């Protein structure tokens, strides 16, 4: 029997297979679908821990699984953020490009290490990066659920108008944050709907901005920690496989 065919690897594959359903749920207008998207993403995130735990416990770790598991995480994260670009004016293309670029770079480095028979050193910042990416996705999904479709349209229109006026997304989000704090100080604590609407005008942007910065820093840290793999790979390309 093929050792790659086991429950942990099957869970990893199912995690990737859930992505089209997640995207479809988000494009629906009804709140129930957005809740379903959050539940589906949460289940996919949980299986990320379960498949690794089962693989270790049942001694079913395979090279295929070790390669597929982080790749599945990247596919889901990239799929989620790319979808947000089309639904949220606050999510900028350059943010997602940097996240995708970092993941492609690290995936390439992992592939080189496997071919060279080297081990890849992970860093704590990489785990922090993953936590922030998952947290940013959940945060955006929560606002998707709490803010009605009409109010999300209003928020997007504010960003669209600001962009047409020559403002940056950072500037628009900052103005929204300042206006929210000003109204709070002048009129007291807002009601629930006003609170969610106000926070929805800038929290997703700054959450995504922080996540992008941490992702880039983790990529730089990853390259520094594994510079020997890069150096050895460069030497092999320059002098041939046998170093002659």
Protein backbone atom coordinates (compact mmCIF):
# COMPACT_ATOMS: atom_id res chain seq x y z
CA UNK A 1 0.00 0.00 0.00
CA UNK A 2 1.21 3.47 -0.85
CA UNK A 3 2.44 5.06 2.42
CA UNK A 4 1.28 8.48 1.17
CA UNK A 5 -2.33 7.32 1.32
CA UNK A 6 -3.26 7.90 4.95
CA UNK A 7 -5.69 9.94 7.05
CA UNK A 8 -3.31 12.84 7.86
CA UNK A 9 -2.56 13.42 4.17
CA UNK A 10 -6.24 13.05 3.32
CA UNK A 11 -7.09 15.79 5.84
CA UNK A 12 -4.48 18.03 4.25
CA UNK A 13 -5.97 17.46 0.79
CA UNK A 14 -9.50 18.13 2.10
CA UNK A 15 -8.22 21.39 3.58
CA UNK A 16 -7.21 22.57 0.12
CA UNK A 17 -10.44 21.26 -1.41
CA UNK A 18 -12.47 23.44 0.98
CA UNK A 19 -11.09 26.67 -0.54
CA UNK A 20 -13.53 26.93 -3.52
CA UNK A 21 -16.48 26.51 -1.14
CA UNK A 22 -15.04 29.19 1.15
CA UNK A 23 -14.75 31.63 -1.76
CA UNK A 24 -18.27 30.86 -2.97
CA UNK A 25 -19.72 31.45 0.51
CA UNK A 26 -18.07 34.88 0.70
CA UNK A 27 -19.57 36.01 -2.59
CA UNK A 28 -23.10 35.36 -1.34
CA UNK A 29 -25.03 38.25 0.19
CA UNK A 30 -26.75 36.39 3.01
CA UNK A 31 -25.10 36.51 6.43
CA UNK A 32 -25.58 32.75 6.88
CA UNK A 33 -23.11 32.08 4.06
CA UNK A 34 -20.53 34.37 5.65
CA UNK A 35 -20.92 32.50 8.93
CA UNK A 36 -20.47 29.26 6.97
CA UNK A 37 -17.25 30.70 5.48
CA UNK A 38 -15.93 31.46 8.97
CA UNK A 39 -16.86 27.99 10.23
CA UNK A 40 -15.28 26.32 7.20
CA UNK A 41 -12.06 28.30 7.60
CA UNK A 42 -11.98 27.50 11.33
CA UNK A 43 -12.40 23.78 10.63
CA UNK A 44 -9.65 23.92 8.00
CA UNK A 45 -7.37 25.65 10.51
CA UNK A 46 -8.09 23.02 13.15
CA UNK A 47 -7.35 20.16 10.76
CA UNK A 48 -3.97 21.79 10.16
CA UNK A 49 -3.07 20.87 13.74
CA UNK A 50 -4.90 17.53 13.70
CA UNK A 51 -3.19 16.08 10.62
CA UNK A 52 0.27 16.86 11.98
CA UNK A 53 -0.61 15.43 15.38
CA UNK A 54 -2.03 12.22 13.88
CA UNK A 55 0.92 11.81 11.53
CA UNK A 56 3.33 11.95 14.47
CA UNK A 57 1.20 9.83 16.79
CA UNK A 58 0.53 7.10 14.24
CA UNK A 59 4.04 7.35 12.77
CA UNK A 60 2.58 8.16 9.36
CA UNK A 61 4.85 11.08 8.54
CA UNK A 62 5.86 11.00 4.87
CA UNK A 63 7.98 13.24 2.66
CA UNK A 64 4.84 13.90 0.61
CA UNK A 65 2.98 15.01 3.72
CA UNK A 66 5.86 17.19 4.92
CA UNK A 67 5.86 18.96 1.56
CA UNK A 68 2.07 19.12 1.10
CA UNK A 69 1.13 20.37 4.59
CA UNK A 70 2.88 23.78 4.44
CA UNK A 71 1.93 24.10 0.78
CA UNK A 72 -1.74 23.57 1.68
CA UNK A 73 -1.52 26.32 4.29
CA UNK A 74 -0.05 28.70 1.73
CA UNK A 75 -2.73 27.88 -0.85
CA UNK A 76 -5.51 28.57 1.65
CA UNK A 77 -3.98 31.80 2.95
CA UNK A 78 -3.25 33.12 -0.54
CA UNK A 79 -6.74 32.10 -1.72
CA UNK A 80 -8.39 33.91 1.18
CA UNK A 81 -6.40 37.13 0.83
CA UNK A 82 -6.81 37.18 -2.95
CA UNK A 83 -10.57 36.87 -2.53
CA UNK A 84 -10.56 39.74 -0.05
CA UNK A 85 -8.96 42.01 -2.68
CA UNK A 86 -12.13 41.82 -4.76
CA UNK A 87 -14.49 42.25 -1.82
CA UNK A 88 -12.65 44.77 0.39
CA UNK A 89 -11.29 48.10 -0.84
CA UNK A 90 -9.13 48.12 2.31
CA UNK A 91 -7.11 45.09 1.20
CA UNK A 92 -4.45 46.26 -1.22
CA UNK A 93 -2.90 44.27 -4.03
CA UNK A 94 0.68 44.99 -2.92
CA UNK A 95 -0.04 43.38 0.45
CA UNK A 96 -1.15 40.13 -1.12
CA UNK A 97 1.73 40.21 -3.64
CA UNK A 98 4.24 40.47 -0.77
CA UNK A 99 2.56 37.59 1.08
CA UNK A 100 2.52 35.44 -2.07
CA UNK A 101 6.11 36.39 -2.90
CA UNK A 102 7.31 35.46 0.57
CA UNK A 103 5.55 32.10 0.41
CA UNK A 104 6.85 31.32 -3.08
CA UNK A 105 10.37 32.18 -1.95
CA UNK A 106 10.18 29.93 1.11
CA UNK A 107 8.58 27.09 -0.86
CA UNK A 108 11.44 27.32 -3.38
CA UNK A 109 13.94 27.25 -0.53
CA UNK A 110 12.29 24.15 0.93
CA UNK A 111 12.46 22.46 -2.47
CA UNK A 112 16.15 23.31 -2.81
CA UNK A 113 16.86 21.98 0.66
CA UNK A 114 15.12 18.68 -0.15
CA UNK A 115 17.13 18.29 -3.35
CA UNK A 116 20.37 19.10 -1.56
CA UNK A 117 19.56 16.79 1.34
CA UNK A 118 19.69 19.69 3.76
CA UNK A 119 17.34 20.49 6.63
CA UNK A 120 15.45 23.76 6.85
CA UNK A 121 15.63 25.77 10.04
CA UNK A 122 12.32 27.24 11.16
CA UNK A 123 12.02 30.36 13.27
CA UNK A 124 9.63 31.53 15.96
CA UNK A 125 8.82 34.55 13.80
CA UNK A 126 7.49 32.15 11.18
CA UNK A 127 4.98 30.80 13.69
CA UNK A 128 4.06 34.35 14.68
CA UNK A 129 3.53 35.13 10.99
CA UNK A 130 1.17 32.19 10.62
CA UNK A 131 -0.79 33.24 13.71
CA UNK A 132 -1.16 36.80 12.38
CA UNK A 133 -2.22 35.62 8.92
CA UNK A 134 -4.88 33.32 10.38
CA UNK A 135 -5.91 36.06 12.79
CA UNK A 136 -6.23 38.63 9.99
CA UNK A 137 -8.42 36.29 7.96
CA UNK A 138 -10.67 35.56 10.95
CA UNK A 139 -10.84 39.29 11.81
CA UNK A 140 -11.94 40.21 8.28
CA UNK A 141 -14.47 37.37 8.27
CA UNK A 142 -15.92 38.54 11.59
CA UNK A 143 -16.44 42.03 10.19
CA UNK A 144 -17.94 40.42 7.11
CA UNK A 145 -20.52 38.83 9.38
CA UNK A 146 -21.14 41.78 11.70
CA UNK A 147 -21.25 44.56 9.08
CA UNK A 148 -24.28 44.34 6.80
CA UNK A 149 -23.86 44.21 3.02
CA UNK A 150 -25.21 47.76 2.63
CA UNK A 151 -22.77 49.17 5.17
CA UNK A 152 -19.86 47.27 3.60
CA UNK A 153 -20.80 48.93 0.32
CA UNK A 154 -20.72 52.32 2.06
CA UNK A 155 -17.27 51.61 3.51
CA UNK A 156 -15.98 50.52 0.09
CA UNK A 157 -17.44 53.68 -1.48
CA UNK A 158 -15.57 55.83 1.05
CA UNK A 159 -12.32 54.15 0.02
CA UNK A 160 -13.13 54.41 -3.67
CA UNK A 161 -13.90 58.12 -3.36
CA UNK A 162 -10.72 58.69 -1.39
CA UNK A 163 -8.62 56.93 -4.00
CA UNK A 164 -10.20 59.00 -6.78
CA UNK A 165 -9.28 62.10 -4.77
CA UNK A 166 -5.65 60.98 -4.75
CA UNK A 167 -5.53 59.65 -1.20
CA UNK A 168 -3.69 56.49 -0.20
CA UNK A 169 -5.54 53.63 1.45
CA UNK A 170 -3.40 54.23 4.53
CA UNK A 171 -4.54 57.85 4.57
CA UNK A 172 -8.20 56.92 4.21
CA UNK A 173 -8.00 54.31 6.98
CA UNK A 174 -6.20 56.79 9.23
CA UNK A 175 -8.88 59.41 8.63
CA UNK A 176 -11.58 56.88 9.43
CA UNK A 177 -9.81 55.93 12.65
CA UNK A 178 -9.40 59.58 13.71
CA UNK A 179 -13.03 60.35 12.89
CA UNK A 180 -14.18 57.31 14.88
CA UNK A 181 -12.19 58.36 17.96
CA UNK A 182 -13.39 61.97 17.62
CA UNK A 183 -17.06 60.94 17.48
CA UNK A 184 -16.54 58.65 20.47
CA UNK A 185 -15.03 61.49 22.52
CA UNK A 186 -17.71 64.00 21.56
CA UNK A 187 -20.79 61.79 21.75
CA UNK A 188 -19.76 59.04 24.12
CA UNK A 189 -19.63 55.31 23.45
CA UNK A 190 -21.54 54.45 20.26
CA UNK A 191 -24.22 51.79 20.01
CA UNK A 192 -23.33 48.30 18.81
CA UNK A 193 -24.18 48.90 15.15
CA UNK A 194 -22.30 52.21 15.06
CA UNK A 195 -19.35 50.64 16.85
CA UNK A 196 -19.05 47.78 14.38
CA UNK A 197 -19.57 50.09 11.40
CA UNK A 198 -16.95 52.54 12.67
CA UNK A 199 -14.35 49.88 13.41
CA UNK A 200 -15.08 48.21 10.09
CA UNK A 201 -13.86 51.36 8.36
CA UNK A 202 -10.24 50.91 9.39
CA UNK A 203 -9.54 47.82 11.55
CA UNK A 204 -9.36 45.34 8.60
CA UNK A 205 -6.81 47.58 6.85
CA UNK A 206 -4.49 48.00 9.81
CA UNK A 207 -4.82 44.33 10.72
CA UNK A 208 -3.81 43.40 7.18
CA UNK A 209 -1.01 45.97 7.14
CA UNK A 210 0.51 44.58 10.35
CA UNK A 211 0.16 41.04 9.03
CA UNK A 212 1.96 41.98 5.80
CA UNK A 213 4.85 43.61 7.65
CA UNK A 214 5.30 40.58 9.92
CA UNK A 215 5.12 38.27 6.89
CA UNK A 216 7.92 40.19 5.16
CA UNK A 217 10.06 40.26 8.31
CA UNK A 218 9.57 36.52 8.80
CA UNK A 219 10.67 35.91 5.21
CA UNK A 220 13.84 37.93 5.73
CA UNK A 221 14.52 36.12 8.99
CA UNK A 222 13.93 32.77 7.27
CA UNK A 223 16.46 33.58 4.55
CA UNK A 224 19.06 34.66 7.11
CA UNK A 225 18.56 31.49 9.16
CA UNK A 226 18.93 29.29 6.07
CA UNK A 227 21.64 31.22 4.24
CA UNK A 228 23.83 28.11 4.19
CA UNK A 229 21.27 26.32 2.00
CA UNK A 230 21.24 29.28 -0.39
CA UNK A 231 25.03 29.48 -0.44
CA UNK A 232 25.44 25.74 -1.00
CA UNK A 233 22.84 25.81 -3.78
CA UNK A 234 24.67 28.69 -5.47
CA UNK A 235 27.97 26.81 -5.28
CA UNK A 236 26.38 23.71 -6.81
CA UNK A 237 24.98 25.71 -9.71
CA UNK A 238 28.28 27.51 -10.29
CA UNK A 239 30.58 24.47 -10.21
CA UNK A 240 28.29 21.62 -11.13
CA UNK A 241 26.69 18.87 -9.08
CA UNK A 242 29.98 17.37 -7.97
CA UNK A 243 31.62 20.70 -7.25
CA UNK A 244 34.18 20.23 -10.08
